Amino acid sequence: MGDRTRICAIGAVLSVLCLCTATGASAQALGTYTYTSGKTTGTMTVTDVSACQQKDALGCMSAARPLKVSIRTLNGASGNDCDLDAVEETAGRIGSKAALQTMLVIQDERSQGKPNLSIKFAKGVAEVEPQDGIGGLGCGVGVGYAGRWRLKGK
């Protein structure tokens, strides 16, 4: 086996390892989560999407599949709601077997494409924390989404 063949074989093995690691890290986060805080209740759906489907994506060859988060909350007393979607910046992903922490960009023109939502997934719980004072982005008065979300069925 020549040097060029060995290099290609090693590259192929490393590509598969990277793909499996990235997929495994995000798989623990996928699903539907529920939220209750006072009179506010909600659901958060976490899926993953191909990097090819992302606006301004650098390419389809990325091993990490960005997470897409859809958050819907409602304040039962006021009727005000939150309705927002966010997409992960995979470069900021920190994952282990026990947890996955990541930064997302809320899909709103006021976000200016900057990561502004932090989520930590661990053991059927997601800790959602808005960044840089954007807690009300996509929300009516008196309703939010920051805090602890539980994976349905856990």
C-alpha atoms as a PDB file:
ATOM      1  CA  MET A   1       0.000   0.000   0.000  1.00  0.00           C
ATOM      2  CA  GLY A   2       1.478   3.342  -1.066  1.00  0.00           C
ATOM      3  CA  ASP A   3       1.671   6.505   1.030  1.00  0.00           C
ATOM      4  CA  ARG A   4      -1.112   8.176  -0.931  1.00  0.00           C
ATOM      5  CA  THR A   5      -3.444   5.201  -0.362  1.00  0.00           C
ATOM      6  CA  ARG A   6      -2.680   5.184   3.390  1.00  0.00           C
ATOM      7  CA  ILE A   7      -3.394   8.902   3.665  1.00  0.00           C
ATOM      8  CA  CYS A   8      -6.723   8.482   1.853  1.00  0.00           C
ATOM      9  CA  ALA A   9      -7.668   5.545   4.088  1.00  0.00           C
ATOM     10  CA  ILE A  10      -6.805   7.480   7.263  1.00  0.00           C
ATOM     11  CA  GLY A  11      -8.784  10.485   5.989  1.00  0.00           C
ATOM     12  CA  ALA A  12     -11.833   8.307   5.320  1.00  0.00           C
ATOM     13  CA  VAL A  13     -11.695   6.774   8.807  1.00  0.00           C
ATOM     14  CA  LEU A  14     -11.343  10.208  10.442  1.00  0.00           C
ATOM     15  CA  SER A  15     -14.297  11.558   8.441  1.00  0.00           C
ATOM     16  CA  VAL A  16     -16.517   8.713   9.657  1.00  0.00           C
ATOM     17  CA  LEU A  17     -15.374   9.224  13.271  1.00  0.00           C
ATOM     18  CA  CYS A  18     -16.118  12.954  13.101  1.00  0.00           C
ATOM     19  CA  LEU A  19     -19.550  12.334  11.598  1.00  0.00           C
ATOM     20  CA  CYS A  20     -20.459   9.761  14.262  1.00  0.00           C
ATOM     21  CA  THR A  21     -19.222  11.974  17.114  1.00  0.00           C
ATOM     22  CA  ALA A  22     -21.085  15.046  15.904  1.00  0.00           C
ATOM     23  CA  THR A  23     -24.296  13.139  15.268  1.00  0.00           C
ATOM     24  CA  GLY A  24     -24.148  11.400  18.655  1.00  0.00           C
ATOM     25  CA  ALA A  25     -23.626  14.668  20.524  1.00  0.00           C
ATOM     26  CA  SER A  26     -26.681  16.342  19.009  1.00  0.00           C
ATOM     27  CA  ALA A  27     -28.884  13.239  19.172  1.00  0.00           C
ATOM     28  CA  GLN A  28     -29.236  13.607  22.943  1.00  0.00           C
ATOM     29  CA  ALA A  29     -30.861  17.026  22.402  1.00  0.00           C
ATOM     30  CA  LEU A  30     -33.487  16.061  19.797  1.00  0.00           C
ATOM     31  CA  GLY A  31     -37.151  15.906  20.756  1.00  0.00           C
ATOM     32  CA  THR A  32     -40.022  17.943  22.173  1.00  0.00           C
ATOM     33  CA  TYR A  33     -39.638  19.766  25.489  1.00  0.00           C
ATOM     34  CA  THR A  34     -42.283  21.319  27.761  1.00  0.00           C
ATOM     35  CA  TYR A  35     -42.084  24.439  29.908  1.00  0.00           C
ATOM     36  CA  THR A  36     -44.057  25.829  32.828  1.00  0.00           C
ATOM     37  CA  SER A  37     -43.269  29.038  34.717  1.00  0.00           C
ATOM     38  CA  GLY A  38     -46.128  30.641  36.621  1.00  0.00           C
ATOM     39  CA  LYS A  39     -48.959  31.102  34.137  1.00  0.00           C
ATOM     40  CA  THR A  40     -46.656  30.586  31.150  1.00  0.00           C
ATOM     41  CA  THR A  41     -46.548  27.205  29.418  1.00  0.00           C
ATOM     42  CA  GLY A  42     -44.904  26.132  26.207  1.00  0.00           C
ATOM     43  CA  THR A  43     -43.292  23.634  23.908  1.00  0.00           C
ATOM     44  CA  MET A  44     -39.873  23.601  22.299  1.00  0.00           C
ATOM     45  CA  THR A  45     -39.151  21.305  19.367  1.00  0.00           C
ATOM     46  CA  VAL A  46     -35.501  20.480  18.662  1.00  0.00           C
ATOM     47  CA  THR A  47     -34.577  18.957  15.308  1.00  0.00           C
ATOM     48  CA  ASP A  48     -31.403  18.868  13.271  1.00  0.00           C
ATOM     49  CA  VAL A  49     -31.039  20.036   9.697  1.00  0.00           C
ATOM     50  CA  SER A  50     -28.501  19.684   6.934  1.00  0.00           C
ATOM     51  CA  ALA A  51     -25.925  22.454   6.739  1.00  0.00           C
ATOM     52  CA  CYS A  52     -26.880  22.634   3.047  1.00  0.00           C
ATOM     53  CA  GLN A  53     -30.295  24.014   4.048  1.00  0.00           C
ATOM     54  CA  GLN A  54     -28.874  26.889   6.102  1.00  0.00           C
ATOM     55  CA  LYS A  55     -28.735  30.437   4.810  1.00  0.00           C
ATOM     56  CA  ASP A  56     -25.127  31.535   4.255  1.00  0.00           C
ATOM     57  CA  ALA A  57     -23.854  27.974   4.856  1.00  0.00           C
ATOM     58  CA  LEU A  58     -20.215  27.402   3.995  1.00  0.00           C
ATOM     59  CA  GLY A  59     -20.962  24.025   2.482  1.00  0.00           C
ATOM     60  CA  CYS A  60     -22.655  20.688   2.758  1.00  0.00           C
ATOM     61  CA  MET A  61     -19.604  18.761   3.931  1.00  0.00           C
ATOM     62  CA  SER A  62     -19.845  19.757   7.603  1.00  0.00           C
ATOM     63  CA  ALA A  63     -19.869  16.760   9.955  1.00  0.00           C
ATOM     64  CA  ALA A  64     -22.076  18.582  12.470  1.00  0.00           C
ATOM     65  CA  ARG A  65     -25.773  18.922  11.689  1.00  0.00           C
ATOM     66  CA  PRO A  66     -27.012  22.247  13.101  1.00  0.00           C
ATOM     67  CA  LEU A  67     -29.859  22.093  15.603  1.00  0.00           C
ATOM     68  CA  LYS A  68     -33.052  23.959  14.809  1.00  0.00           C
ATOM     69  CA  VAL A  69     -35.180  25.047  17.761  1.00  0.00           C
ATOM     70  CA  SER A  70     -38.811  26.196  17.598  1.00  0.00           C
ATOM     71  CA  ILE A  71     -40.141  27.752  20.806  1.00  0.00           C
ATOM     72  CA  ARG A  72     -43.817  28.475  21.442  1.00  0.00           C
ATOM     73  CA  THR A  73     -44.973  29.785  24.843  1.00  0.00           C
ATOM     74  CA  LEU A  74     -48.243  31.321  26.045  1.00  0.00           C
ATOM     75  CA  ASN A  75     -49.130  33.289  29.159  1.00  0.00           C
ATOM     76  CA  GLY A  76     -52.554  31.911  30.127  1.00  0.00           C
ATOM     77  CA  ALA A  77     -53.474  35.053  32.115  1.00  0.00           C
ATOM     78  CA  SER A  78     -52.671  37.706  29.485  1.00  0.00           C
ATOM     79  CA  GLY A  79     -52.930  35.692  26.275  1.00  0.00           C
ATOM     80  CA  ASN A  80     -49.526  37.047  25.161  1.00  0.00           C
ATOM     81  CA  ASP A  81     -47.172  34.601  23.503  1.00  0.00           C
ATOM     82  CA  CYS A  82     -43.649  33.899  22.252  1.00  0.00           C
ATOM     83  CA  ASP A  83     -43.109  32.401  18.845  1.00  0.00           C
ATOM     84  CA  LEU A  84     -39.526  32.075  17.674  1.00  0.00           C
ATOM     85  CA  ASP A  85     -37.175  29.871  15.712  1.00  0.00           C
ATOM     86  CA  ALA A  86     -33.423  29.625  16.176  1.00  0.00           C
ATOM     87  CA  VAL A  87     -30.609  27.801  14.382  1.00  0.00           C
ATOM     88  CA  GLU A  88     -27.398  26.574  15.977  1.00  0.00           C
ATOM     89  CA  GLU A  89     -23.964  28.010  15.331  1.00  0.00           C
ATOM     90  CA  THR A  90     -22.158  24.637  15.364  1.00  0.00           C
ATOM     91  CA  ALA A  91     -18.747  26.246  15.856  1.00  0.00           C
ATOM     92  CA  GLY A  92     -19.814  27.090  19.413  1.00  0.00           C
ATOM     93  CA  ARG A  93     -20.980  23.553  20.281  1.00  0.00           C
ATOM     94  CA  ILE A  94     -19.463  21.941  23.368  1.00  0.00           C
ATOM     95  CA  GLY A  95     -20.453  18.302  23.764  1.00  0.00           C
ATOM     96  CA  SER A  96     -19.715  15.320  25.952  1.00  0.00           C
ATOM     97  CA  LYS A  97     -21.517  12.081  26.787  1.00  0.00           C
ATOM     98  CA  ALA A  98     -23.284  13.848  29.669  1.00  0.00           C
ATOM     99  CA  ALA A  99     -24.249  17.195  28.134  1.00  0.00           C
ATOM    100  CA  LEU A 100     -24.375  19.407  25.069  1.00  0.00           C
ATOM    101  CA  GLN A 101     -24.081  23.179  25.277  1.00  0.00           C
ATOM    102  CA  THR A 102     -24.589  25.338  22.241  1.00  0.00           C
ATOM    103  CA  MET A 103     -25.297  28.837  20.962  1.00  0.00           C
ATOM    104  CA  LEU A 104     -28.098  29.601  18.528  1.00  0.00           C
ATOM    105  CA  VAL A 105     -29.185  32.564  16.420  1.00  0.00           C
ATOM    106  CA  ILE A 106     -32.827  33.600  16.768  1.00  0.00           C
ATOM    107  CA  GLN A 107     -34.250  33.977  13.273  1.00  0.00           C
ATOM    108  CA  ASP A 108     -35.281  37.636  13.513  1.00  0.00           C
ATOM    109  CA  GLU A 109     -33.896  40.665  11.691  1.00  0.00           C
ATOM    110  CA  ARG A 110     -33.004  42.252  15.053  1.00  0.00           C
ATOM    111  CA  SER A 111     -30.581  39.353  15.741  1.00  0.00           C
ATOM    112  CA  GLN A 112     -28.298  40.548  12.949  1.00  0.00           C
ATOM    113  CA  GLY A 113     -27.056  36.950  12.546  1.00  0.00           C
ATOM    114  CA  LYS A 114     -25.299  36.971  15.928  1.00  0.00           C
ATOM    115  CA  PRO A 115     -25.613  34.066  18.408  1.00  0.00           C
ATOM    116  CA  ASN A 116     -28.040  35.200  21.101  1.00  0.00           C
ATOM    117  CA  LEU A 117     -29.541  32.102  22.683  1.00  0.00           C
ATOM    118  CA  SER A 118     -27.666  29.609  24.861  1.00  0.00           C
ATOM    119  CA  ILE A 119     -29.070  26.129  25.513  1.00  0.00           C
ATOM    120  CA  LYS A 120     -27.542  23.371  27.611  1.00  0.00           C
ATOM    121  CA  PHE A 121     -29.011  19.885  27.118  1.00  0.00           C
ATOM    122  CA  ALA A 122     -28.392  17.247  29.813  1.00  0.00           C
ATOM    123  CA  LYS A 123     -30.338  14.210  31.034  1.00  0.00           C
ATOM    124  CA  GLY A 124     -33.716  15.128  29.536  1.00  0.00           C
ATOM    125  CA  VAL A 125     -33.521  18.786  30.553  1.00  0.00           C
ATOM    126  CA  ALA A 126     -32.731  21.892  28.500  1.00  0.00           C
ATOM    127  CA  GLU A 127     -31.600  25.080  30.236  1.00  0.00           C
ATOM    128  CA  VAL A 128     -32.520  27.975  27.937  1.00  0.00           C
ATOM    129  CA  GLU A 129     -30.884  31.355  28.472  1.00  0.00           C
ATOM    130  CA  PRO A 130     -31.232  34.411  26.203  1.00  0.00           C
ATOM    131  CA  GLN A 131     -27.989  36.374  25.736  1.00  0.00           C
ATOM    132  CA  ASP A 132     -27.232  40.084  25.458  1.00  0.00           C
ATOM    133  CA  GLY A 133     -30.561  41.351  26.818  1.00  0.00           C
ATOM    134  CA  ILE A 134     -32.721  39.898  24.021  1.00  0.00           C
ATOM    135  CA  GLY A 135     -35.051  38.003  26.386  1.00  0.00           C
ATOM    136  CA  GLY A 136     -38.165  39.519  24.820  1.00  0.00           C
ATOM    137  CA  LEU A 137     -37.242  38.901  21.192  1.00  0.00           C
ATOM    138  CA  GLY A 138     -40.261  37.246  19.566  1.00  0.00           C
ATOM    139  CA  CYS A 139     -42.381  37.615  22.717  1.00  0.00           C
ATOM    140  CA  GLY A 140     -45.383  39.594  23.913  1.00  0.00           C
ATOM    141  CA  VAL A 141     -45.411  41.466  27.223  1.00  0.00           C
ATOM    142  CA  GLY A 142     -45.189  39.292  30.346  1.00  0.00           C
ATOM    143  CA  VAL A 143     -44.228  36.056  28.610  1.00  0.00           C
ATOM    144  CA  GLY A 144     -40.829  34.471  28.074  1.00  0.00           C
ATOM    145  CA  TYR A 145     -38.963  31.221  27.610  1.00  0.00           C
ATOM    146  CA  ALA A 146     -35.845  31.426  29.805  1.00  0.00           C
ATOM    147  CA  GLY A 147     -35.409  28.597  32.262  1.00  0.00           C
ATOM    148  CA  ARG A 148     -35.694  24.828  32.533  1.00  0.00           C
ATOM    149  CA  TRP A 149     -37.475  22.783  29.869  1.00  0.00           C
ATOM    150  CA  ARG A 150     -38.180  19.038  30.280  1.00  0.00           C
ATOM    151  CA  LEU A 151     -38.019  16.471  27.502  1.00  0.00           C
ATOM    152  CA  LYS A 152     -41.465  14.939  26.984  1.00  0.00           C
ATOM    153  CA  GLY A 153     -41.635  11.444  28.411  1.00  0.00           C
ATOM    154  CA  LYS A 154     -38.830  12.030  30.957  1.00  0.00           C
END
